[in-house]
Structure formats: C-alpha cells, structure tokens
Amino acid sequence: MLDEQEWAEIAPLLSAMVSRIQNFRRVQGASLAQALNQRFGDDALLRYQELTGEEESDPEVLRHHRVSLLGPSCKACGKPLRTPRASFCAECGSIQSEPIDQ
C-alpha cells in the first residue's frame, strides 16, 4: 500500500501514462488494446516495486493501492476496513459500533 508521499510519486507517472496512451492512439490511429500493449505504464510499475518491494502487472491497479482509500482498523480482527465510511468489516463480518464519517 502507498502512503500519501509515495502516492505523490506514482500519481504523476500514471497521469503521464494516460497522456502517452492518448497521444499514441491519436498519432497512430490505434485501438485502446493496441495502445495498452505498448506498456506505457512500466515506469509506474517499476517505481511501485522500488517503493514497496511488491510486483504488480497492471498499472491501473496502482490507483487502488493507496492507504488513504481504506478505513481504520476493524475493532474485532484488526484488518483495515474497505472504506473510511464502512460500517462492517468485509474480512470478519464484524459490525463496527459507529459508522465512520468524514
């Protein structure tokens, strides 16, 4: 998972990836599938691996590996809740006594 400082390094790489895909499609008249085969997100994947030690194969998945998207720890099992507003734990099913508001 990426903290906000790490996310600040990954986010621009993902934005650049999208720009490169759009430009490639415009210039080459390529389909989205053809553009995705160009592996424009490899620099984001490499930086993610450098930061976390974990390998990932799809750069779009990195958008979901951000700690701030998760909620606090479950009061029963300690796993992070799926969202900051979650009222139950998807891992153990425990109802959280008070829904989290933000």
N, C-alpha and C. Protein backbone atom coordinates (compact mmCIF):
# COMPACT_ATOMS: atom_id res chain seq x y z
N MET A 1 0.84 -1.19 0.00
CA MET A 1 0.00 0.00 0.00
C MET A 1 0.88 1.25 0.00
N LEU A 2 0.39 2.26 -0.61
CA LEU A 2 1.14 3.51 -0.75
C LEU A 2 0.63 4.56 0.23
N ASP A 3 1.56 5.16 0.96
CA ASP A 3 1.16 6.31 1.78
C ASP A 3 1.08 7.53 0.85
N GLU A 4 0.69 8.65 1.38
CA GLU A 4 0.47 9.82 0.51
C GLU A 4 1.76 10.34 -0.13
N GLN A 5 2.87 10.22 0.56
CA GLN A 5 4.15 10.65 -0.03
C GLN A 5 4.52 9.74 -1.20
N GLU A 6 4.32 8.44 -1.04
CA GLU A 6 4.59 7.50 -2.12
C GLU A 6 3.61 7.70 -3.27
N TRP A 7 2.33 7.94 -2.92
CA TRP A 7 1.33 8.19 -3.95
C TRP A 7 1.70 9.41 -4.78
N ALA A 8 2.29 10.41 -4.14
CA ALA A 8 2.70 11.62 -4.85
C ALA A 8 3.78 11.32 -5.90
N GLU A 9 4.50 10.24 -5.76
CA GLU A 9 5.48 9.83 -6.77
C GLU A 9 4.84 9.01 -7.88
N ILE A 10 3.83 8.22 -7.53
CA ILE A 10 3.19 7.33 -8.50
C ILE A 10 2.16 8.07 -9.36
N ALA A 11 1.39 8.96 -8.76
CA ALA A 11 0.29 9.63 -9.47
C ALA A 11 0.75 10.33 -10.76
N PRO A 12 1.84 11.09 -10.74
CA PRO A 12 2.26 11.74 -12.00
C PRO A 12 2.67 10.73 -13.07
N LEU A 13 3.22 9.60 -12.65
CA LEU A 13 3.61 8.56 -13.61
C LEU A 13 2.37 7.96 -14.27
N LEU A 14 1.31 7.79 -13.50
CA LEU A 14 0.06 7.27 -14.05
C LEU A 14 -0.59 8.29 -14.99
N SER A 15 -0.52 9.55 -14.61
CA SER A 15 -1.07 10.61 -15.49
C SER A 15 -0.29 10.67 -16.80
N ALA A 16 1.03 10.56 -16.71
CA ALA A 16 1.85 10.56 -17.91
C ALA A 16 1.52 9.35 -18.79
N MET A 17 1.26 8.21 -18.16
CA MET A 17 0.88 7.01 -18.90
C MET A 17 -0.38 7.27 -19.72
N VAL A 18 -1.38 7.87 -19.10
CA VAL A 18 -2.64 8.15 -19.79
C VAL A 18 -2.38 9.10 -20.96
N SER A 19 -1.57 10.11 -20.75
CA SER A 19 -1.25 11.05 -21.83
C SER A 19 -0.54 10.35 -22.99
N ARG A 20 0.39 9.46 -22.67
CA ARG A 20 1.11 8.73 -23.72
C ARG A 20 0.17 7.80 -24.49
N ILE A 21 -0.74 7.16 -23.78
CA ILE A 21 -1.72 6.29 -24.44
C ILE A 21 -2.59 7.12 -25.39
N GLN A 22 -3.08 8.25 -24.91
CA GLN A 22 -3.94 9.11 -25.74
C GLN A 22 -3.18 9.61 -26.98
N ASN A 23 -1.95 10.02 -26.77
CA ASN A 23 -1.14 10.52 -27.89
C ASN A 23 -0.86 9.40 -28.89
N PHE A 24 -0.51 8.23 -28.41
CA PHE A 24 -0.24 7.10 -29.28
C PHE A 24 -1.47 6.77 -30.13
N ARG A 25 -2.64 6.76 -29.50
CA ARG A 25 -3.87 6.45 -30.22
C ARG A 25 -4.17 7.51 -31.27
N ARG A 26 -3.95 8.77 -30.90
CA ARG A 26 -4.23 9.87 -31.83
C ARG A 26 -3.27 9.82 -33.03
N VAL A 27 -2.00 9.67 -32.77
CA VAL A 27 -0.99 9.69 -33.83
C VAL A 27 -1.04 8.43 -34.69
N GLN A 28 -1.18 7.29 -34.05
CA GLN A 28 -1.13 6.01 -34.77
C GLN A 28 -2.49 5.54 -35.27
N GLY A 29 -3.56 6.16 -34.77
CA GLY A 29 -4.89 5.67 -35.10
C GLY A 29 -5.13 4.29 -34.51
N ALA A 30 -4.51 4.04 -33.38
CA ALA A 30 -4.53 2.72 -32.75
C ALA A 30 -5.73 2.55 -31.84
N SER A 31 -6.10 1.31 -31.64
CA SER A 31 -7.16 0.98 -30.68
C SER A 31 -6.59 1.07 -29.27
N LEU A 32 -7.48 1.06 -28.29
CA LEU A 32 -7.04 1.07 -26.90
C LEU A 32 -6.21 -0.17 -26.60
N ALA A 33 -6.63 -1.32 -27.09
CA ALA A 33 -5.89 -2.57 -26.85
C ALA A 33 -4.47 -2.47 -27.42
N GLN A 34 -4.34 -1.89 -28.61
CA GLN A 34 -3.01 -1.72 -29.19
C GLN A 34 -2.15 -0.78 -28.35
N ALA A 35 -2.75 0.28 -27.86
CA ALA A 35 -2.01 1.23 -27.03
C ALA A 35 -1.58 0.60 -25.71
N LEU A 36 -2.46 -0.18 -25.11
CA LEU A 36 -2.12 -0.83 -23.84
C LEU A 36 -0.99 -1.83 -24.01
N ASN A 37 -0.88 -2.42 -25.18
CA ASN A 37 0.21 -3.36 -25.44
C ASN A 37 1.58 -2.69 -25.51
N GLN A 38 1.59 -1.37 -25.58
CA GLN A 38 2.85 -0.64 -25.64
C GLN A 38 3.54 -0.52 -24.28
N ARG A 39 2.85 -0.88 -23.23
CA ARG A 39 3.39 -0.90 -21.86
C ARG A 39 3.87 0.49 -21.41
N PHE A 40 3.05 1.49 -21.67
CA PHE A 40 3.39 2.86 -21.27
C PHE A 40 3.41 3.04 -19.76
N GLY A 41 2.86 2.11 -19.00
CA GLY A 41 2.83 2.22 -17.55
C GLY A 41 3.98 1.54 -16.83
N ASP A 42 4.95 1.05 -17.58
CA ASP A 42 6.05 0.31 -16.95
C ASP A 42 6.85 1.14 -15.95
N ASP A 43 7.00 2.44 -16.20
CA ASP A 43 7.75 3.26 -15.24
C ASP A 43 7.00 3.37 -13.90
N ALA A 44 5.69 3.44 -13.94
CA ALA A 44 4.90 3.47 -12.71
C ALA A 44 5.01 2.14 -11.97
N LEU A 45 4.96 1.04 -12.72
CA LEU A 45 5.09 -0.28 -12.10
C LEU A 45 6.46 -0.46 -11.46
N LEU A 46 7.49 -0.01 -12.15
CA LEU A 46 8.85 -0.11 -11.61
C LEU A 46 9.00 0.71 -10.34
N ARG A 47 8.48 1.94 -10.35
CA ARG A 47 8.59 2.79 -9.15
C ARG A 47 7.80 2.19 -7.99
N TYR A 48 6.64 1.62 -8.27
CA TYR A 48 5.84 0.95 -7.23
C TYR A 48 6.66 -0.19 -6.61
N GLN A 49 7.31 -0.97 -7.45
CA GLN A 49 8.11 -2.08 -6.93
C GLN A 49 9.29 -1.56 -6.10
N GLU A 50 9.91 -0.49 -6.54
CA GLU A 50 11.01 0.10 -5.78
C GLU A 50 10.53 0.59 -4.41
N LEU A 51 9.35 1.18 -4.36
CA LEU A 51 8.82 1.72 -3.12
C LEU A 51 8.33 0.65 -2.16
N THR A 52 7.70 -0.40 -2.71
CA THR A 52 7.03 -1.38 -1.85
C THR A 52 7.68 -2.74 -1.79
N GLY A 53 8.52 -3.06 -2.75
CA GLY A 53 9.09 -4.39 -2.83
C GLY A 53 8.14 -5.41 -3.43
N GLU A 54 6.96 -4.97 -3.84
CA GLU A 54 5.93 -5.85 -4.40
C GLU A 54 5.84 -5.65 -5.91
N GLU A 55 5.61 -6.74 -6.63
CA GLU A 55 5.41 -6.65 -8.07
C GLU A 55 3.93 -6.52 -8.38
N GLU A 56 3.64 -5.73 -9.39
CA GLU A 56 2.27 -5.58 -9.89
C GLU A 56 2.38 -5.58 -11.41
N SER A 57 1.39 -6.14 -12.09
CA SER A 57 1.47 -6.24 -13.55
C SER A 57 0.57 -5.24 -14.28
N ASP A 58 -0.39 -4.65 -13.60
CA ASP A 58 -1.33 -3.73 -14.23
C ASP A 58 -1.21 -2.35 -13.58
N PRO A 59 -0.74 -1.36 -14.33
CA PRO A 59 -0.57 -0.04 -13.72
C PRO A 59 -1.86 0.59 -13.20
N GLU A 60 -3.00 0.26 -13.81
CA GLU A 60 -4.28 0.82 -13.35
C GLU A 60 -4.62 0.36 -11.93
N VAL A 61 -4.16 -0.81 -11.55
CA VAL A 61 -4.43 -1.35 -10.21
C VAL A 61 -3.75 -0.48 -9.14
N LEU A 62 -2.68 0.19 -9.51
CA LEU A 62 -1.94 1.02 -8.54
C LEU A 62 -2.83 2.11 -7.95
N ARG A 63 -3.83 2.54 -8.69
CA ARG A 63 -4.74 3.58 -8.19
C ARG A 63 -5.49 3.12 -6.94
N HIS A 64 -5.59 1.82 -6.75
CA HIS A 64 -6.31 1.27 -5.60
C HIS A 64 -5.39 0.89 -4.44
N HIS A 65 -4.07 1.02 -4.64
CA HIS A 65 -3.11 0.65 -3.60
C HIS A 65 -2.70 1.88 -2.79
N ARG A 66 -3.68 2.59 -2.31
CA ARG A 66 -3.45 3.86 -1.59
C ARG A 66 -4.08 3.76 -0.21
N VAL A 67 -3.28 3.90 0.82
CA VAL A 67 -3.74 3.72 2.20
C VAL A 67 -4.91 4.64 2.52
N SER A 68 -4.90 5.85 2.01
CA SER A 68 -5.95 6.81 2.37
C SER A 68 -7.33 6.40 1.86
N LEU A 69 -7.40 5.43 0.94
CA LEU A 69 -8.69 4.95 0.45
C LEU A 69 -9.33 3.97 1.42
N LEU A 70 -8.53 3.42 2.34
CA LEU A 70 -9.03 2.44 3.30
C LEU A 70 -9.53 3.13 4.56
N GLY A 71 -10.30 2.40 5.33
CA GLY A 71 -10.79 2.91 6.59
C GLY A 71 -9.85 2.52 7.73
N PRO A 72 -10.27 2.81 8.95
CA PRO A 72 -9.46 2.44 10.12
C PRO A 72 -9.47 0.93 10.31
N SER A 73 -8.70 0.45 11.25
CA SER A 73 -8.65 -0.99 11.54
C SER A 73 -9.96 -1.45 12.17
N CYS A 74 -10.35 -2.68 11.84
CA CYS A 74 -11.54 -3.30 12.44
C CYS A 74 -11.29 -3.49 13.93
N LYS A 75 -12.30 -3.22 14.72
CA LYS A 75 -12.17 -3.36 16.18
C LYS A 75 -12.08 -4.82 16.60
N ALA A 76 -12.53 -5.75 15.75
CA ALA A 76 -12.50 -7.17 16.09
C ALA A 76 -11.26 -7.89 15.58
N CYS A 77 -10.94 -7.73 14.29
CA CYS A 77 -9.84 -8.51 13.71
C CYS A 77 -8.60 -7.70 13.39
N GLY A 78 -8.73 -6.37 13.36
CA GLY A 78 -7.56 -5.52 13.12
C GLY A 78 -7.27 -5.24 11.65
N LYS A 79 -7.97 -5.90 10.73
CA LYS A 79 -7.76 -5.63 9.31
C LYS A 79 -8.35 -4.26 8.97
N PRO A 80 -7.79 -3.57 7.96
CA PRO A 80 -8.37 -2.27 7.60
C PRO A 80 -9.76 -2.45 6.98
N LEU A 81 -10.65 -1.55 7.32
CA LEU A 81 -11.97 -1.54 6.70
C LEU A 81 -11.82 -1.12 5.24
N ARG A 82 -12.73 -1.55 4.39
CA ARG A 82 -12.59 -1.31 2.95
C ARG A 82 -12.69 0.15 2.55
N THR A 83 -13.42 0.94 3.33
CA THR A 83 -13.55 2.37 3.06
C THR A 83 -13.55 3.13 4.38
N PRO A 84 -13.29 4.41 4.36
CA PRO A 84 -13.34 5.19 5.60
C PRO A 84 -14.74 5.22 6.23
N ARG A 85 -15.79 4.97 5.45
CA ARG A 85 -17.17 5.03 5.99
C ARG A 85 -17.78 3.65 6.25
N ALA A 86 -16.99 2.59 6.16
CA ALA A 86 -17.51 1.23 6.31
C ALA A 86 -18.14 1.03 7.68
N SER A 87 -19.27 0.33 7.70
CA SER A 87 -19.95 0.06 8.96
C SER A 87 -19.79 -1.39 9.40
N PHE A 88 -19.18 -2.22 8.54
CA PHE A 88 -18.86 -3.58 8.93
C PHE A 88 -17.56 -4.00 8.25
N CYS A 89 -16.93 -5.01 8.80
CA CYS A 89 -15.65 -5.49 8.29
C CYS A 89 -15.91 -6.57 7.24
N ALA A 90 -15.38 -6.38 6.06
CA ALA A 90 -15.54 -7.37 5.00
C ALA A 90 -14.72 -8.63 5.29
N GLU A 91 -13.71 -8.51 6.10
CA GLU A 91 -12.85 -9.65 6.43
C GLU A 91 -13.53 -10.61 7.41
N CYS A 92 -14.01 -10.08 8.54
CA CYS A 92 -14.57 -10.95 9.59
C CYS A 92 -16.07 -10.78 9.77
N GLY A 93 -16.67 -9.77 9.14
CA GLY A 93 -18.11 -9.55 9.24
C GLY A 93 -18.54 -8.77 10.47
N SER A 94 -17.61 -8.34 11.27
CA SER A 94 -17.93 -7.62 12.50
C SER A 94 -18.58 -6.27 12.19
N ILE A 95 -19.68 -5.99 12.87
CA ILE A 95 -20.33 -4.68 12.75
C ILE A 95 -19.51 -3.70 13.58
N GLN A 96 -19.21 -2.58 12.99
CA GLN A 96 -18.49 -1.54 13.70
C GLN A 96 -19.50 -0.72 14.48
N SER A 97 -19.21 -0.40 15.71
CA SER A 97 -20.21 0.22 16.58
C SER A 97 -20.69 1.58 16.07
N GLU A 98 -19.82 2.33 15.45
CA GLU A 98 -20.21 3.64 14.93
C GLU A 98 -19.67 3.78 13.52
N PRO A 99 -20.54 4.01 12.53
CA PRO A 99 -20.03 4.26 11.17
C PRO A 99 -19.09 5.46 11.20
N ILE A 100 -18.08 5.37 10.40
CA ILE A 100 -17.07 6.44 10.33
C ILE A 100 -17.56 7.52 9.38
N ASP A 101 -17.58 8.77 9.83
CA ASP A 101 -17.96 9.89 8.95
C ASP A 101 -16.73 10.71 8.64
N GLN A 102 -16.70 11.24 7.43
CA GLN A 102 -15.62 12.14 7.06
C GLN A 102 -16.15 13.33 6.32
